Protein backbone atom coordinates (compact mmCIF):
# COMPACT_ATOMS: atom_id res chain seq x y z
CA MET A 1 -37.68 0.04 -0.10
CA GLU A 2 -34.56 1.50 -1.77
CA GLN A 3 -32.39 0.20 1.03
CA LEU A 4 -33.73 -3.34 0.62
CA GLU A 5 -33.25 -3.14 -3.13
CA PHE A 6 -29.66 -1.96 -2.69
CA GLU A 7 -28.93 -4.65 -0.10
CA GLU A 8 -30.18 -7.32 -2.52
CA PHE A 9 -28.07 -5.86 -5.33
CA TYR A 10 -25.02 -5.83 -3.07
CA ARG A 11 -25.59 -9.39 -1.86
CA THR A 12 -26.08 -10.83 -5.35
CA SER A 13 -23.41 -8.87 -7.21
CA ARG A 14 -20.52 -8.23 -4.80
CA ASP A 15 -18.58 -11.46 -5.41
CA ALA A 16 -18.70 -11.15 -9.21
CA CYS A 17 -17.69 -7.49 -9.04
CA LEU A 18 -14.85 -8.28 -6.64
CA ARG A 19 -13.49 -11.00 -8.94
CA ALA A 20 -13.67 -8.63 -11.91
CA VAL A 21 -11.85 -5.86 -10.05
CA LEU A 22 -9.31 -8.37 -8.72
CA VAL A 23 -8.52 -9.45 -12.25
CA GLY A 24 -8.16 -5.80 -13.25
CA THR A 25 -5.88 -4.89 -10.34
CA GLY A 26 -4.14 -8.12 -9.41
CA ASP A 27 -4.11 -7.08 -5.76
CA PRO A 28 -6.71 -8.68 -3.43
CA THR A 29 -6.49 -6.00 -0.73
CA LEU A 30 -6.73 -3.15 -3.23
CA ALA A 31 -9.62 -4.87 -5.01
CA GLU A 32 -11.53 -5.17 -1.71
CA ASP A 33 -10.98 -1.47 -0.98
CA LEU A 34 -11.97 -0.38 -4.47
CA VAL A 35 -15.14 -2.47 -4.49
CA ALA A 36 -16.13 -1.17 -1.06
CA GLU A 37 -15.62 2.40 -2.26
CA ALA A 38 -17.60 1.73 -5.44
CA TYR A 39 -20.54 0.31 -3.47
CA ALA A 40 -20.43 3.30 -1.13
CA GLN A 41 -20.66 5.58 -4.16
CA ALA A 42 -23.42 3.41 -5.62
CA TRP A 43 -25.49 3.77 -2.46
CA GLY A 44 -25.11 7.55 -2.67
CA ALA A 45 -26.28 7.52 -6.29
CA TRP A 46 -28.56 4.49 -6.09
CA ARG A 47 -31.36 5.97 -8.24
CA LYS A 48 -28.88 6.57 -11.05
CA VAL A 49 -27.12 3.23 -10.59
CA ARG A 50 -30.27 1.10 -10.50
CA ALA A 51 -31.42 2.77 -13.74
CA HIS A 52 -28.07 2.00 -15.40
CA PRO A 53 -28.33 -0.71 -18.09
CA ALA A 54 -25.60 -2.74 -16.30
CA PRO A 55 -25.33 -1.79 -12.61
CA ARG A 56 -22.58 -4.36 -11.94
CA ALA A 57 -20.54 -2.82 -14.73
CA TRP A 58 -21.10 0.59 -13.11
CA ILE A 59 -19.57 -0.80 -9.89
CA VAL A 60 -16.54 -2.27 -11.66
CA ARG A 61 -15.93 0.84 -13.75
CA THR A 62 -16.25 3.06 -10.66
CA ALA A 63 -13.73 0.83 -8.88
CA PHE A 64 -11.30 1.12 -11.80
CA ASN A 65 -11.76 4.90 -11.90
CA THR A 66 -11.20 5.10 -8.15
CA ARG A 67 -7.96 3.18 -8.57
CA VAL A 68 -6.74 5.75 -11.07
CA SER A 69 -7.72 8.60 -8.74
CA TRP A 70 -5.95 6.97 -5.79
CA TRP A 71 -2.88 6.30 -7.93
CA ARG A 72 -2.71 9.94 -9.02
CA ARG A 73 -2.81 11.09 -5.40
CA ARG A 74 -0.21 8.58 -4.27
CA ARG A 75 2.23 8.61 -7.16
CA ARG A 76 4.43 11.07 -5.30
CA GLU A 77 4.67 8.79 -2.26
CA VAL A 78 7.85 6.82 -1.68
CA ALA A 79 7.47 3.04 -1.50
CA LEU A 80 9.23 1.26 1.34
CA ALA A 81 11.08 -1.96 0.55
CA GLY A 82 9.26 -5.09 1.70
CA HIS A 83 5.92 -3.37 2.27
CA ASP A 84 4.14 -4.78 -0.74
CA ALA A 85 2.87 -7.90 1.04
CA ALA A 86 -0.63 -7.58 -0.42
CA ALA A 87 0.68 -8.33 -3.91
CA HIS A 88 1.92 -11.70 -2.65
CA GLN A 89 -1.33 -12.83 -1.02
CA PRO A 90 -3.32 -15.50 -2.84
CA ALA A 91 -6.53 -14.32 -4.46
CA GLN A 92 -9.73 -16.09 -3.50
CA GLY A 93 -11.80 -17.56 -6.32
CA VAL A 94 -9.22 -17.03 -9.07
CA ASP A 95 -6.55 -19.53 -10.12
CA PRO A 96 -3.13 -18.06 -9.15
CA ALA A 97 -1.55 -18.95 -12.52
CA LEU A 98 -4.42 -17.27 -14.38
CA LEU A 99 -4.25 -14.20 -12.15
CA ALA A 100 -0.49 -13.92 -12.69
CA ALA A 101 -0.98 -14.17 -16.46
CA VAL A 102 -3.76 -11.57 -16.42
CA ARG A 103 -1.56 -9.21 -14.37
CA ARG A 104 0.96 -9.19 -17.22
CA LEU A 105 -1.64 -7.95 -19.72
CA PRO A 106 -1.85 -4.24 -20.57
CA ARG A 107 -4.36 -2.31 -18.43
CA ARG A 108 -7.11 -2.02 -21.07
CA GLN A 109 -6.90 -5.74 -21.89
CA ARG A 110 -7.19 -6.54 -18.15
CA GLU A 111 -10.28 -4.34 -17.92
CA VAL A 112 -11.88 -6.00 -20.95
CA VAL A 113 -11.17 -9.48 -19.54
CA ALA A 114 -12.58 -8.42 -16.16
CA LEU A 115 -15.82 -7.15 -17.70
CA ARG A 116 -16.34 -9.69 -20.51
CA VAL A 117 -15.15 -12.85 -18.76
CA PHE A 118 -15.50 -12.33 -15.03
CA LEU A 119 -18.57 -10.08 -15.08
CA ASP A 120 -20.07 -11.77 -18.18
CA LEU A 121 -21.03 -8.52 -19.93
CA ASP A 122 -21.64 -8.53 -23.65
CA THR A 123 -19.45 -6.57 -26.06
CA GLU A 124 -21.82 -3.59 -26.25
CA ALA A 125 -22.12 -3.21 -22.46
CA THR A 126 -18.36 -3.56 -22.06
CA ALA A 127 -17.78 -0.91 -24.72
CA ARG A 128 -20.21 1.51 -23.05
CA THR A 129 -18.68 0.87 -19.63
CA LEU A 130 -15.13 1.52 -20.82
CA GLY A 131 -16.06 4.31 -23.24
CA ILE A 132 -14.58 2.55 -26.26
CA ALA A 133 -15.93 1.12 -29.51
CA PRO A 134 -17.31 -2.43 -29.59
CA GLY A 135 -14.69 -3.38 -32.18
CA THR A 136 -11.99 -2.20 -29.80
CA VAL A 137 -13.42 -4.45 -27.08
CA THR A 138 -13.34 -7.40 -29.47
CA ALA A 139 -9.75 -6.63 -30.50
CA HIS A 140 -8.55 -6.26 -26.90
CA LEU A 141 -10.28 -9.48 -25.88
CA ALA A 142 -8.81 -11.41 -28.82
CA ARG A 143 -5.30 -10.17 -28.01
CA ALA A 144 -5.75 -10.92 -24.32
CA VAL A 145 -7.03 -14.44 -24.96
CA ALA A 146 -4.16 -15.17 -27.35
CA THR A 147 -1.62 -13.91 -24.82
CA LEU A 148 -3.24 -15.81 -21.94
CA ARG A 149 -3.43 -18.99 -23.99
CA ALA A 150 0.28 -18.74 -24.85
CA ASP A 151 1.30 -17.85 -21.27
CA LEU A 152 -0.72 -20.64 -19.70
CA ALA A 153 0.42 -23.20 -22.29
CA THR A 154 4.03 -22.23 -21.55
CA ALA A 155 3.43 -22.54 -17.80
CA ILE A 156 1.88 -26.00 -18.24
CA THR A 157 4.74 -27.12 -20.50
CA GLN A 158 7.33 -25.91 -17.98
CA GLU A 159 5.61 -27.81 -15.14
CA GLY A 160 6.00 -31.01 -17.12
CA PRO A 161 3.92 -34.17 -16.80
CA ALA A 162 2.32 -34.81 -13.43
C-alpha cells in the first residue's frame, strides 16, 4: 500500500519538482540528480513525508539542501576547463531566456521563485519550507519579479522587432 502511494506521488509530482529545482539550480543534469536523491530520501522517510503539509515542497527543499551538502564536499575540487557542458544544455520545459534570467537572481530569490511560481506553493508553505518569515518570502518574490521583468524586457528590446 505504501509503495503504491509513493509511486503515485512520484508520478504526479516529479515533473513539477524537477522544474522547481531546475529553476533553483540552473543546471539540468544537477537538477535531475538532486531530485532523484530527494525522492530516494523521501521513500526512506515516506511516513514523515506523506504527513508533511506540502510533500512536493519537502522534495524541493531536500534537493536544495542536498545541493548545498554536495557543494560543501566538492568545493575543494579543482574544476577542469571545458568540463562544464551541463550548464550549456537546454532545459526541458523552461524557456531558455527565463532560465538564464532566473540564474542571475540571488540564491534565496531563485528558491522563492522555484517554490512560489514553479511549484505553486502559497506564501505560508514557502516560508515554512525555506525556514523564513512570510514577509521575507513576499519581499524576495517582489524583488525577483521586478528583476526578471526588467531583464526580460531588456532582452526583448535588444532582439528588436520580429
